[in-house]
Amino acid sequence: MDDISSTAGARVRIECVQGDITTQEVDAIVNAANSSLLGGGGVDGAIHRAAGPALLAECRELRASSFPGGLAVGEAVATGAGDLPARWVVHTVGPNRGAGQTDPALLRAAFASSLRVADGLGATSVALPAVGAGVYGWSAEDAAREAMTATREFVAAGPVSVHLVRFVLFSPELLAAFEAAQG
């Protein structure tokens, strides 16, 4: 756990926990989505299953109306949360190393845009997964470093409505990497 201050003096707590992001009682959870926004494997599939059909319906509508070509890498967009305990789901697309998207700035952008979207909603608490780790090929250490850098930059730019940033990691390896990057 770490508390950092924004330029406006507000305190933001950063936590790293191992657990299930779909059960987090926070204002917003971040979904490591694919560009289609229509569900997939890993965290994306778990969130869609737990949220129920309302989330998929809202994602389909959003895709048709605003993102016909899909959500761009590093961008984020919010929907309702369906049956989840959170109020919102913020969907972001991390870069896929296997597809040649190897610039760490794109990974940092996925975390940063997620935090900005959550903040724009007025969320005071946000839970994020290890975007990019897993099937998108980023190491736990790379994901953790870019996540922490994006979070510190977000807070430093303040003022922000977010007072709690919780990284919810599904494995001991990810938890260790995020705790190490947190310092």
N, C-alpha and C. Protein backbone atom coordinates (compact mmCIF):
# COMPACT_ATOMS: atom_id res chain seq x y z
N MET A 1 0.84 -1.16 0.00
CA MET A 1 0.00 0.00 0.00
C MET A 1 0.89 1.23 0.00
N ASP A 2 0.47 2.25 -0.72
CA ASP A 2 1.25 3.46 -0.87
C ASP A 2 0.28 4.62 -0.99
N ASP A 3 0.56 5.71 -0.33
CA ASP A 3 -0.23 6.93 -0.49
C ASP A 3 0.63 7.94 -1.23
N ILE A 4 0.07 8.53 -2.28
CA ILE A 4 0.78 9.59 -2.98
C ILE A 4 -0.12 10.80 -3.06
N SER A 5 0.48 11.97 -3.21
CA SER A 5 -0.30 13.20 -3.21
C SER A 5 -0.35 13.80 -4.61
N SER A 6 -1.49 14.40 -4.92
CA SER A 6 -1.64 15.11 -6.18
C SER A 6 -1.10 16.52 -6.01
N THR A 7 -1.03 17.25 -7.10
CA THR A 7 -0.58 18.64 -7.03
C THR A 7 -1.50 19.48 -6.17
N ALA A 8 -2.75 19.05 -6.04
CA ALA A 8 -3.71 19.78 -5.21
C ALA A 8 -3.66 19.32 -3.75
N GLY A 9 -2.75 18.39 -3.44
CA GLY A 9 -2.60 17.92 -2.08
C GLY A 9 -3.50 16.76 -1.69
N ALA A 10 -4.33 16.30 -2.61
CA ALA A 10 -5.22 15.17 -2.30
C ALA A 10 -4.38 13.89 -2.19
N ARG A 11 -4.79 13.01 -1.30
CA ARG A 11 -4.09 11.74 -1.11
C ARG A 11 -4.79 10.66 -1.92
N VAL A 12 -4.00 9.87 -2.61
CA VAL A 12 -4.52 8.74 -3.37
C VAL A 12 -3.81 7.49 -2.87
N ARG A 13 -4.58 6.50 -2.46
CA ARG A 13 -4.01 5.24 -1.97
C ARG A 13 -3.89 4.27 -3.14
N ILE A 14 -2.74 3.62 -3.24
CA ILE A 14 -2.51 2.59 -4.25
C ILE A 14 -2.35 1.27 -3.51
N GLU A 15 -3.17 0.29 -3.89
CA GLU A 15 -3.12 -1.04 -3.28
C GLU A 15 -2.87 -2.09 -4.35
N CYS A 16 -2.19 -3.15 -3.96
CA CYS A 16 -2.00 -4.31 -4.82
C CYS A 16 -2.51 -5.53 -4.05
N VAL A 17 -3.46 -6.24 -4.64
CA VAL A 17 -4.04 -7.41 -3.98
C VAL A 17 -4.17 -8.54 -4.99
N GLN A 18 -4.15 -9.77 -4.50
CA GLN A 18 -4.45 -10.91 -5.36
C GLN A 18 -5.92 -11.22 -5.17
N GLY A 19 -6.66 -11.38 -6.27
CA GLY A 19 -8.07 -11.67 -6.13
C GLY A 19 -8.81 -11.66 -7.45
N ASP A 20 -10.11 -11.55 -7.33
CA ASP A 20 -11.04 -11.59 -8.46
C ASP A 20 -11.60 -10.19 -8.68
N ILE A 21 -11.25 -9.58 -9.79
CA ILE A 21 -11.67 -8.20 -10.05
C ILE A 21 -13.20 -8.08 -10.14
N THR A 22 -13.88 -9.16 -10.49
CA THR A 22 -15.34 -9.07 -10.65
C THR A 22 -16.07 -8.93 -9.33
N THR A 23 -15.40 -9.17 -8.22
CA THR A 23 -16.06 -9.08 -6.91
C THR A 23 -15.70 -7.80 -6.16
N GLN A 24 -14.93 -6.94 -6.78
CA GLN A 24 -14.46 -5.74 -6.09
C GLN A 24 -15.59 -4.73 -5.90
N GLU A 25 -15.73 -4.26 -4.68
CA GLU A 25 -16.74 -3.26 -4.36
C GLU A 25 -16.11 -1.88 -4.45
N VAL A 26 -15.97 -1.44 -5.69
CA VAL A 26 -15.39 -0.14 -6.02
C VAL A 26 -16.33 0.55 -7.00
N ASP A 27 -16.09 1.83 -7.24
CA ASP A 27 -16.95 2.54 -8.19
C ASP A 27 -16.77 2.03 -9.62
N ALA A 28 -15.52 1.77 -10.01
CA ALA A 28 -15.25 1.34 -11.39
C ALA A 28 -14.22 0.23 -11.40
N ILE A 29 -14.44 -0.75 -12.27
CA ILE A 29 -13.41 -1.75 -12.54
C ILE A 29 -12.98 -1.57 -13.99
N VAL A 30 -11.72 -1.86 -14.23
CA VAL A 30 -11.17 -1.75 -15.58
C VAL A 30 -11.13 -3.14 -16.20
N ASN A 31 -11.58 -3.20 -17.44
CA ASN A 31 -11.59 -4.43 -18.21
C ASN A 31 -10.47 -4.41 -19.23
N ALA A 32 -9.61 -5.42 -19.21
CA ALA A 32 -8.59 -5.60 -20.23
C ALA A 32 -9.29 -6.20 -21.45
N ALA A 33 -9.89 -5.34 -22.23
CA ALA A 33 -10.76 -5.74 -23.34
C ALA A 33 -9.97 -5.97 -24.62
N ASN A 34 -10.65 -6.55 -25.60
CA ASN A 34 -10.11 -6.54 -26.94
C ASN A 34 -10.83 -5.42 -27.69
N SER A 35 -10.37 -5.08 -28.87
CA SER A 35 -10.91 -3.91 -29.56
C SER A 35 -12.38 -4.06 -29.94
N SER A 36 -12.88 -5.28 -30.01
CA SER A 36 -14.29 -5.48 -30.39
C SER A 36 -15.25 -5.08 -29.28
N LEU A 37 -14.77 -5.06 -28.04
CA LEU A 37 -15.59 -4.77 -26.85
C LEU A 37 -16.64 -5.84 -26.59
N LEU A 38 -16.56 -6.97 -27.26
CA LEU A 38 -17.63 -7.96 -27.19
C LEU A 38 -17.28 -9.19 -26.35
N GLY A 39 -16.31 -9.05 -25.47
CA GLY A 39 -15.95 -10.17 -24.61
C GLY A 39 -14.86 -11.01 -25.23
N GLY A 40 -14.26 -11.83 -24.41
CA GLY A 40 -13.18 -12.68 -24.88
C GLY A 40 -12.77 -13.61 -23.76
N GLY A 41 -11.47 -13.85 -23.67
CA GLY A 41 -10.96 -14.72 -22.63
C GLY A 41 -10.40 -13.93 -21.46
N GLY A 42 -9.81 -14.61 -20.52
CA GLY A 42 -9.14 -13.97 -19.39
C GLY A 42 -10.05 -13.05 -18.60
N VAL A 43 -9.50 -11.91 -18.20
CA VAL A 43 -10.25 -10.92 -17.42
C VAL A 43 -11.49 -10.47 -18.17
N ASP A 44 -11.34 -10.23 -19.47
CA ASP A 44 -12.46 -9.77 -20.30
C ASP A 44 -13.63 -10.74 -20.23
N GLY A 45 -13.36 -12.02 -20.41
CA GLY A 45 -14.42 -13.03 -20.34
C GLY A 45 -15.03 -13.12 -18.96
N ALA A 46 -14.19 -13.07 -17.93
CA ALA A 46 -14.69 -13.15 -16.55
C ALA A 46 -15.62 -11.98 -16.23
N ILE A 47 -15.24 -10.78 -16.67
CA ILE A 47 -16.08 -9.60 -16.41
C ILE A 47 -17.40 -9.72 -17.16
N HIS A 48 -17.36 -10.12 -18.41
CA HIS A 48 -18.60 -10.26 -19.18
C HIS A 48 -19.51 -11.33 -18.58
N ARG A 49 -18.94 -12.45 -18.15
CA ARG A 49 -19.77 -13.50 -17.54
C ARG A 49 -20.41 -13.02 -16.24
N ALA A 50 -19.63 -12.36 -15.40
CA ALA A 50 -20.15 -11.91 -14.10
C ALA A 50 -21.14 -10.76 -14.24
N ALA A 51 -20.96 -9.92 -15.25
CA ALA A 51 -21.83 -8.76 -15.42
C ALA A 51 -23.18 -9.13 -16.01
N GLY A 52 -23.25 -10.24 -16.73
CA GLY A 52 -24.50 -10.65 -17.34
C GLY A 52 -24.75 -10.00 -18.69
N PRO A 53 -25.91 -10.28 -19.27
CA PRO A 53 -26.20 -9.85 -20.65
C PRO A 53 -26.29 -8.34 -20.84
N ALA A 54 -26.58 -7.59 -19.80
CA ALA A 54 -26.70 -6.14 -19.95
C ALA A 54 -25.39 -5.52 -20.42
N LEU A 55 -24.26 -6.02 -19.93
CA LEU A 55 -22.97 -5.47 -20.33
C LEU A 55 -22.70 -5.72 -21.80
N LEU A 56 -22.93 -6.94 -22.26
CA LEU A 56 -22.71 -7.25 -23.67
C LEU A 56 -23.62 -6.41 -24.55
N ALA A 57 -24.87 -6.24 -24.15
CA ALA A 57 -25.80 -5.42 -24.94
C ALA A 57 -25.31 -3.98 -25.03
N GLU A 58 -24.84 -3.42 -23.91
CA GLU A 58 -24.34 -2.05 -23.94
C GLU A 58 -23.07 -1.94 -24.78
N CYS A 59 -22.21 -2.94 -24.69
CA CYS A 59 -20.99 -2.93 -25.50
C CYS A 59 -21.31 -3.03 -26.99
N ARG A 60 -22.28 -3.86 -27.34
CA ARG A 60 -22.69 -3.96 -28.75
C ARG A 60 -23.19 -2.62 -29.28
N GLU A 61 -24.02 -1.96 -28.47
CA GLU A 61 -24.57 -0.66 -28.87
C GLU A 61 -23.45 0.38 -29.01
N LEU A 62 -22.54 0.39 -28.05
CA LEU A 62 -21.42 1.33 -28.07
C LEU A 62 -20.53 1.07 -29.28
N ARG A 63 -20.27 -0.18 -29.56
CA ARG A 63 -19.44 -0.54 -30.72
C ARG A 63 -20.10 -0.06 -32.01
N ALA A 64 -21.40 -0.29 -32.14
CA ALA A 64 -22.11 0.09 -33.37
C ALA A 64 -22.18 1.61 -33.52
N SER A 65 -22.40 2.32 -32.42
CA SER A 65 -22.62 3.77 -32.51
C SER A 65 -21.33 4.59 -32.51
N SER A 66 -20.32 4.15 -31.76
CA SER A 66 -19.15 5.00 -31.57
C SER A 66 -17.83 4.40 -32.04
N PHE A 67 -17.74 3.08 -32.11
CA PHE A 67 -16.47 2.43 -32.44
C PHE A 67 -16.65 1.33 -33.47
N PRO A 68 -17.15 1.68 -34.68
CA PRO A 68 -17.40 0.63 -35.68
C PRO A 68 -16.14 -0.13 -36.07
N GLY A 69 -14.98 0.51 -35.96
CA GLY A 69 -13.72 -0.17 -36.27
C GLY A 69 -13.06 -0.77 -35.05
N GLY A 70 -13.71 -0.65 -33.90
CA GLY A 70 -13.17 -1.16 -32.65
C GLY A 70 -12.49 -0.06 -31.85
N LEU A 71 -12.34 -0.30 -30.57
CA LEU A 71 -11.67 0.64 -29.68
C LEU A 71 -10.16 0.55 -29.93
N ALA A 72 -9.53 1.70 -30.08
CA ALA A 72 -8.10 1.74 -30.38
C ALA A 72 -7.24 1.31 -29.19
N VAL A 73 -6.08 0.77 -29.47
CA VAL A 73 -5.12 0.40 -28.44
C VAL A 73 -4.75 1.65 -27.63
N GLY A 74 -4.78 1.49 -26.31
CA GLY A 74 -4.42 2.59 -25.42
C GLY A 74 -5.57 3.50 -25.05
N GLU A 75 -6.71 3.32 -25.67
CA GLU A 75 -7.89 4.15 -25.37
C GLU A 75 -8.78 3.43 -24.36
N ALA A 76 -9.74 4.17 -23.81
CA ALA A 76 -10.67 3.58 -22.84
C ALA A 76 -12.05 4.21 -23.00
N VAL A 77 -13.06 3.43 -22.63
CA VAL A 77 -14.45 3.89 -22.69
C VAL A 77 -15.21 3.19 -21.57
N ALA A 78 -16.22 3.87 -21.03
CA ALA A 78 -16.97 3.31 -19.90
C ALA A 78 -18.36 2.84 -20.31
N THR A 79 -18.83 1.83 -19.59
CA THR A 79 -20.21 1.36 -19.70
C THR A 79 -20.74 1.16 -18.29
N GLY A 80 -22.01 0.82 -18.20
CA GLY A 80 -22.55 0.38 -16.92
C GLY A 80 -21.90 -0.94 -16.55
N ALA A 81 -22.21 -1.44 -15.36
CA ALA A 81 -21.55 -2.65 -14.87
C ALA A 81 -22.46 -3.86 -14.79
N GLY A 82 -23.68 -3.76 -15.28
CA GLY A 82 -24.56 -4.92 -15.24
C GLY A 82 -24.74 -5.44 -13.83
N ASP A 83 -24.51 -6.73 -13.64
CA ASP A 83 -24.70 -7.38 -12.34
C ASP A 83 -23.49 -7.31 -11.41
N LEU A 84 -22.46 -6.60 -11.80
CA LEU A 84 -21.26 -6.48 -10.96
C LEU A 84 -21.52 -5.53 -9.79
N PRO A 85 -20.76 -5.64 -8.70
CA PRO A 85 -20.94 -4.71 -7.59
C PRO A 85 -20.45 -3.30 -7.90
N ALA A 86 -19.60 -3.14 -8.90
CA ALA A 86 -19.13 -1.81 -9.31
C ALA A 86 -20.25 -1.05 -10.02
N ARG A 87 -20.08 0.26 -10.14
CA ARG A 87 -21.05 1.08 -10.86
C ARG A 87 -20.76 1.11 -12.37
N TRP A 88 -19.46 1.08 -12.70
CA TRP A 88 -19.05 1.18 -14.10
C TRP A 88 -17.96 0.17 -14.42
N VAL A 89 -17.89 -0.16 -15.71
CA VAL A 89 -16.76 -0.91 -16.25
C VAL A 89 -16.08 0.02 -17.25
N VAL A 90 -14.79 0.22 -17.05
CA VAL A 90 -13.99 1.00 -17.99
C VAL A 90 -13.21 0.00 -18.84
N HIS A 91 -13.49 -0.02 -20.12
CA HIS A 91 -12.86 -0.96 -21.05
C HIS A 91 -11.64 -0.29 -21.68
N THR A 92 -10.52 -0.98 -21.67
CA THR A 92 -9.33 -0.47 -22.35
C THR A 92 -8.69 -1.60 -23.14
N VAL A 93 -7.99 -1.23 -24.19
CA VAL A 93 -7.32 -2.21 -25.04
C VAL A 93 -5.82 -2.03 -24.87
N GLY A 94 -5.17 -3.04 -24.34
CA GLY A 94 -3.72 -3.01 -24.22
C GLY A 94 -3.06 -3.43 -25.52
N PRO A 95 -1.79 -3.08 -25.68
CA PRO A 95 -1.07 -3.48 -26.89
C PRO A 95 -0.74 -4.98 -26.86
N ASN A 96 -0.81 -5.59 -28.02
CA ASN A 96 -0.54 -7.02 -28.17
C ASN A 96 0.87 -7.20 -28.74
N ARG A 97 1.78 -7.64 -27.88
CA ARG A 97 3.18 -7.82 -28.33
C ARG A 97 3.26 -8.81 -29.50
N GLY A 98 2.43 -9.84 -29.49
CA GLY A 98 2.44 -10.83 -30.56
C GLY A 98 2.03 -10.25 -31.90
N ALA A 99 1.32 -9.12 -31.87
CA ALA A 99 0.90 -8.45 -33.10
C ALA A 99 1.85 -7.29 -33.45
N GLY A 100 3.00 -7.25 -32.77
CA GLY A 100 4.00 -6.22 -33.07
C GLY A 100 3.81 -4.91 -32.32
N GLN A 101 2.90 -4.87 -31.38
CA GLN A 101 2.65 -3.64 -30.61
C GLN A 101 3.54 -3.67 -29.37
N THR A 102 4.80 -3.27 -29.53
CA THR A 102 5.80 -3.45 -28.49
C THR A 102 6.21 -2.16 -27.78
N ASP A 103 5.58 -1.04 -28.08
CA ASP A 103 5.92 0.23 -27.45
C ASP A 103 5.31 0.30 -26.06
N PRO A 104 6.12 0.38 -25.00
CA PRO A 104 5.58 0.45 -23.65
C PRO A 104 4.68 1.67 -23.42
N ALA A 105 4.86 2.71 -24.22
CA ALA A 105 4.01 3.90 -24.08
C ALA A 105 2.55 3.56 -24.36
N LEU A 106 2.30 2.59 -25.24
CA LEU A 106 0.92 2.16 -25.52
C LEU A 106 0.32 1.46 -24.31
N LEU A 107 1.14 0.67 -23.62
CA LEU A 107 0.66 -0.01 -22.42
C LEU A 107 0.37 1.01 -21.32
N ARG A 108 1.28 1.96 -21.14
CA ARG A 108 1.07 3.03 -20.15
C ARG A 108 -0.20 3.81 -20.49
N ALA A 109 -0.43 4.06 -21.78
CA ALA A 109 -1.62 4.81 -22.20
C ALA A 109 -2.90 4.07 -21.84
N ALA A 110 -2.90 2.75 -21.92
CA ALA A 110 -4.10 1.98 -21.56
C ALA A 110 -4.45 2.20 -20.08
N PHE A 111 -3.44 2.17 -19.22
CA PHE A 111 -3.68 2.43 -17.80
C PHE A 111 -4.10 3.88 -17.58
N ALA A 112 -3.38 4.81 -18.21
CA ALA A 112 -3.66 6.24 -18.01
C ALA A 112 -5.05 6.62 -18.49
N SER A 113 -5.43 6.16 -19.67
CA SER A 113 -6.76 6.53 -20.19
C SER A 113 -7.86 5.90 -19.34
N SER A 114 -7.62 4.71 -18.80
CA SER A 114 -8.61 4.08 -17.91
C SER A 114 -8.83 4.94 -16.66
N LEU A 115 -7.74 5.40 -16.07
CA LEU A 115 -7.86 6.24 -14.88
C LEU A 115 -8.55 7.57 -15.20
N ARG A 116 -8.22 8.16 -16.34
CA ARG A 116 -8.87 9.43 -16.73
C ARG A 116 -10.36 9.25 -16.96
N VAL A 117 -10.75 8.16 -17.61
CA VAL A 117 -12.18 7.91 -17.85
C VAL A 117 -12.90 7.70 -16.53
N ALA A 118 -12.32 6.91 -15.63
CA ALA A 118 -12.94 6.68 -14.32
C ALA A 118 -13.07 7.99 -13.56
N ASP A 119 -12.03 8.80 -13.60
CA ASP A 119 -12.05 10.10 -12.93
C ASP A 119 -13.13 10.99 -13.53
N GLY A 120 -13.27 10.97 -14.84
CA GLY A 120 -14.30 11.76 -15.51
C GLY A 120 -15.71 11.37 -15.10
N LEU A 121 -15.89 10.13 -14.69
CA LEU A 121 -17.19 9.66 -14.21
C LEU A 121 -17.46 10.10 -12.77
N GLY A 122 -16.40 10.56 -12.09
CA GLY A 122 -16.52 10.91 -10.68
C GLY A 122 -16.23 9.74 -9.75
N ALA A 123 -15.65 8.68 -10.28
CA ALA A 123 -15.32 7.51 -9.46
C ALA A 123 -14.30 7.90 -8.40
N THR A 124 -14.50 7.40 -7.18
CA THR A 124 -13.52 7.63 -6.12
C THR A 124 -12.64 6.40 -5.90
N SER A 125 -13.06 5.25 -6.41
CA SER A 125 -12.28 4.03 -6.25
C SER A 125 -12.30 3.26 -7.57
N VAL A 126 -11.12 2.75 -7.95
CA VAL A 126 -10.97 2.05 -9.22
C VAL A 126 -10.14 0.78 -9.00
N ALA A 127 -10.59 -0.32 -9.57
CA ALA A 127 -9.82 -1.57 -9.54
C ALA A 127 -9.37 -1.89 -10.96
N LEU A 128 -8.08 -2.18 -11.11
CA LEU A 128 -7.50 -2.46 -12.41
C LEU A 128 -6.80 -3.82 -12.41
N PRO A 129 -6.87 -4.53 -13.55
CA PRO A 129 -6.11 -5.77 -13.70
C PRO A 129 -4.73 -5.44 -14.28
N ALA A 130 -3.95 -6.46 -14.53
CA ALA A 130 -2.64 -6.31 -15.17
C ALA A 130 -2.85 -6.28 -16.68
N VAL A 131 -3.33 -5.15 -17.18
CA VAL A 131 -3.58 -4.99 -18.61
C VAL A 131 -2.30 -5.34 -19.38
N GLY A 132 -2.45 -6.14 -20.42
CA GLY A 132 -1.32 -6.49 -21.28
C GLY A 132 -0.58 -7.74 -20.88
N ALA A 133 -0.66 -8.12 -19.61
CA ALA A 133 0.00 -9.35 -19.16
C ALA A 133 -0.84 -10.53 -19.63
N GLY A 134 -0.24 -11.67 -19.75
CA GLY A 134 -1.00 -12.83 -20.20
C GLY A 134 -0.93 -12.97 -21.70
N VAL A 135 -2.08 -13.18 -22.34
CA VAL A 135 -2.09 -13.50 -23.77
C VAL A 135 -1.57 -12.37 -24.65
N TYR A 136 -1.53 -11.14 -24.15
CA TYR A 136 -0.99 -10.04 -24.96
C TYR A 136 0.53 -9.94 -24.86
N GLY A 137 1.14 -10.83 -24.06
CA GLY A 137 2.58 -11.02 -24.13
C GLY A 137 3.47 -10.11 -23.31
N TRP A 138 2.93 -9.21 -22.52
CA TRP A 138 3.77 -8.34 -21.70
C TRP A 138 4.14 -9.07 -20.42
N SER A 139 5.37 -8.91 -19.99
CA SER A 139 5.81 -9.55 -18.75
C SER A 139 5.11 -8.89 -17.57
N ALA A 140 5.07 -9.61 -16.47
CA ALA A 140 4.49 -9.05 -15.24
C ALA A 140 5.22 -7.78 -14.85
N GLU A 141 6.54 -7.78 -14.99
CA GLU A 141 7.34 -6.62 -14.62
C GLU A 141 7.04 -5.42 -15.51
N ASP A 142 6.92 -5.64 -16.82
CA ASP A 142 6.59 -4.53 -17.73
C ASP A 142 5.21 -3.96 -17.43
N ALA A 143 4.23 -4.84 -17.25
CA ALA A 143 2.87 -4.37 -16.96
C ALA A 143 2.85 -3.58 -15.65
N ALA A 144 3.54 -4.09 -14.64
CA ALA A 144 3.57 -3.41 -13.34
C ALA A 144 4.25 -2.05 -13.44
N ARG A 145 5.38 -2.00 -14.11
CA ARG A 145 6.11 -0.73 -14.25
C ARG A 145 5.26 0.33 -14.96
N GLU A 146 4.65 -0.05 -16.07
CA GLU A 146 3.85 0.92 -16.83
C GLU A 146 2.60 1.32 -16.06
N ALA A 147 2.00 0.38 -15.33
CA ALA A 147 0.82 0.69 -14.52
C ALA A 147 1.15 1.69 -13.43
N MET A 148 2.24 1.47 -12.74
CA MET A 148 2.62 2.37 -11.64
C MET A 148 3.04 3.74 -12.17
N THR A 149 3.76 3.76 -13.29
CA THR A 149 4.14 5.04 -13.89
C THR A 149 2.90 5.83 -14.29
N ALA A 150 1.97 5.17 -14.95
CA ALA A 150 0.73 5.85 -15.38
C ALA A 150 -0.05 6.36 -14.17
N THR A 151 -0.11 5.57 -13.12
CA THR A 151 -0.86 5.97 -11.93
C THR A 151 -0.22 7.17 -11.26
N ARG A 152 1.08 7.15 -11.10
CA ARG A 152 1.77 8.28 -10.47
C ARG A 152 1.61 9.55 -11.31
N GLU A 153 1.70 9.43 -12.63
CA GLU A 153 1.52 10.60 -13.50
C GLU A 153 0.10 11.12 -13.42
N PHE A 154 -0.87 10.22 -13.37
CA PHE A 154 -2.28 10.60 -13.25
C PHE A 154 -2.51 11.39 -11.96
N VAL A 155 -1.99 10.88 -10.86
CA VAL A 155 -2.18 11.55 -9.57
C VAL A 155 -1.46 12.89 -9.55
N ALA A 156 -0.23 12.92 -10.07
CA ALA A 156 0.55 14.16 -10.06
C ALA A 156 -0.12 15.26 -10.86
N ALA A 157 -0.85 14.89 -11.90
CA ALA A 157 -1.53 15.88 -12.74
C ALA A 157 -2.74 16.49 -12.05
N GLY A 158 -3.27 15.83 -10.99
CA GLY A 158 -4.44 16.20 -10.19
C GLY A 158 -5.03 17.56 -10.52
N PRO A 159 -6.05 17.98 -9.84
CA PRO A 159 -6.77 17.22 -8.83
C PRO A 159 -7.63 16.11 -9.46
N VAL A 160 -7.86 15.07 -8.70
CA VAL A 160 -8.62 13.92 -9.19
C VAL A 160 -9.68 13.52 -8.18
N SER A 161 -10.75 12.92 -8.69
CA SER A 161 -11.82 12.42 -7.81
C SER A 161 -11.44 11.06 -7.21
N VAL A 162 -10.53 10.36 -7.87
CA VAL A 162 -10.12 9.02 -7.44
C VAL A 162 -9.25 9.11 -6.19
N HIS A 163 -9.64 8.38 -5.15
CA HIS A 163 -8.86 8.34 -3.91
C HIS A 163 -8.26 6.96 -3.64
N LEU A 164 -8.73 5.94 -4.39
CA LEU A 164 -8.20 4.59 -4.23
C LEU A 164 -7.99 3.96 -5.60
N VAL A 165 -6.77 3.53 -5.87
CA VAL A 165 -6.43 2.76 -7.06
C VAL A 165 -5.98 1.40 -6.56
N ARG A 166 -6.76 0.37 -6.90
CA ARG A 166 -6.46 -0.99 -6.44
C ARG A 166 -6.14 -1.86 -7.65
N PHE A 167 -4.92 -2.40 -7.69
CA PHE A 167 -4.55 -3.35 -8.72
C PHE A 167 -4.92 -4.74 -8.22
N VAL A 168 -5.81 -5.40 -8.95
CA VAL A 168 -6.31 -6.72 -8.55
C VAL A 168 -5.68 -7.73 -9.50
N LEU A 169 -4.77 -8.53 -8.96
CA LEU A 169 -3.96 -9.44 -9.75
C LEU A 169 -4.38 -10.88 -9.51
N PHE A 170 -4.35 -11.68 -10.56
CA PHE A 170 -4.87 -13.05 -10.46
C PHE A 170 -3.83 -14.09 -10.08
N SER A 171 -2.55 -13.70 -9.99
CA SER A 171 -1.53 -14.70 -9.66
C SER A 171 -0.52 -14.12 -8.69
N PRO A 172 0.15 -15.00 -7.94
CA PRO A 172 1.21 -14.53 -7.03
C PRO A 172 2.34 -13.82 -7.78
N GLU A 173 2.65 -14.29 -9.00
CA GLU A 173 3.72 -13.67 -9.80
C GLU A 173 3.37 -12.21 -10.12
N LEU A 174 2.13 -11.98 -10.55
CA LEU A 174 1.72 -10.61 -10.85
C LEU A 174 1.71 -9.75 -9.60
N LEU A 175 1.20 -10.29 -8.51
CA LEU A 175 1.17 -9.54 -7.26
C LEU A 175 2.58 -9.13 -6.85
N ALA A 176 3.53 -10.04 -6.92
CA ALA A 176 4.91 -9.73 -6.54
C ALA A 176 5.50 -8.65 -7.44
N ALA A 177 5.23 -8.73 -8.75
CA ALA A 177 5.75 -7.73 -9.68
C ALA A 177 5.15 -6.35 -9.40
N PHE A 178 3.86 -6.29 -9.13
CA PHE A 178 3.21 -5.01 -8.86
C PHE A 178 3.67 -4.42 -7.53
N GLU A 179 3.85 -5.27 -6.53
CA GLU A 179 4.35 -4.79 -5.24
C GLU A 179 5.77 -4.25 -5.39
N ALA A 180 6.60 -4.93 -6.19
CA ALA A 180 7.97 -4.46 -6.42
C ALA A 180 7.98 -3.13 -7.16
N ALA A 181 7.12 -2.98 -8.16
CA ALA A 181 7.06 -1.73 -8.92
C ALA A 181 6.50 -0.58 -8.09
N GLN A 182 5.69 -0.93 -7.13
CA GLN A 182 5.10 0.09 -6.26
C GLN A 182 6.16 0.73 -5.37
N GLY A 183 7.20 -0.05 -5.06
CA GLY A 183 8.30 0.48 -4.26
C GLY A 183 8.14 0.37 -2.84
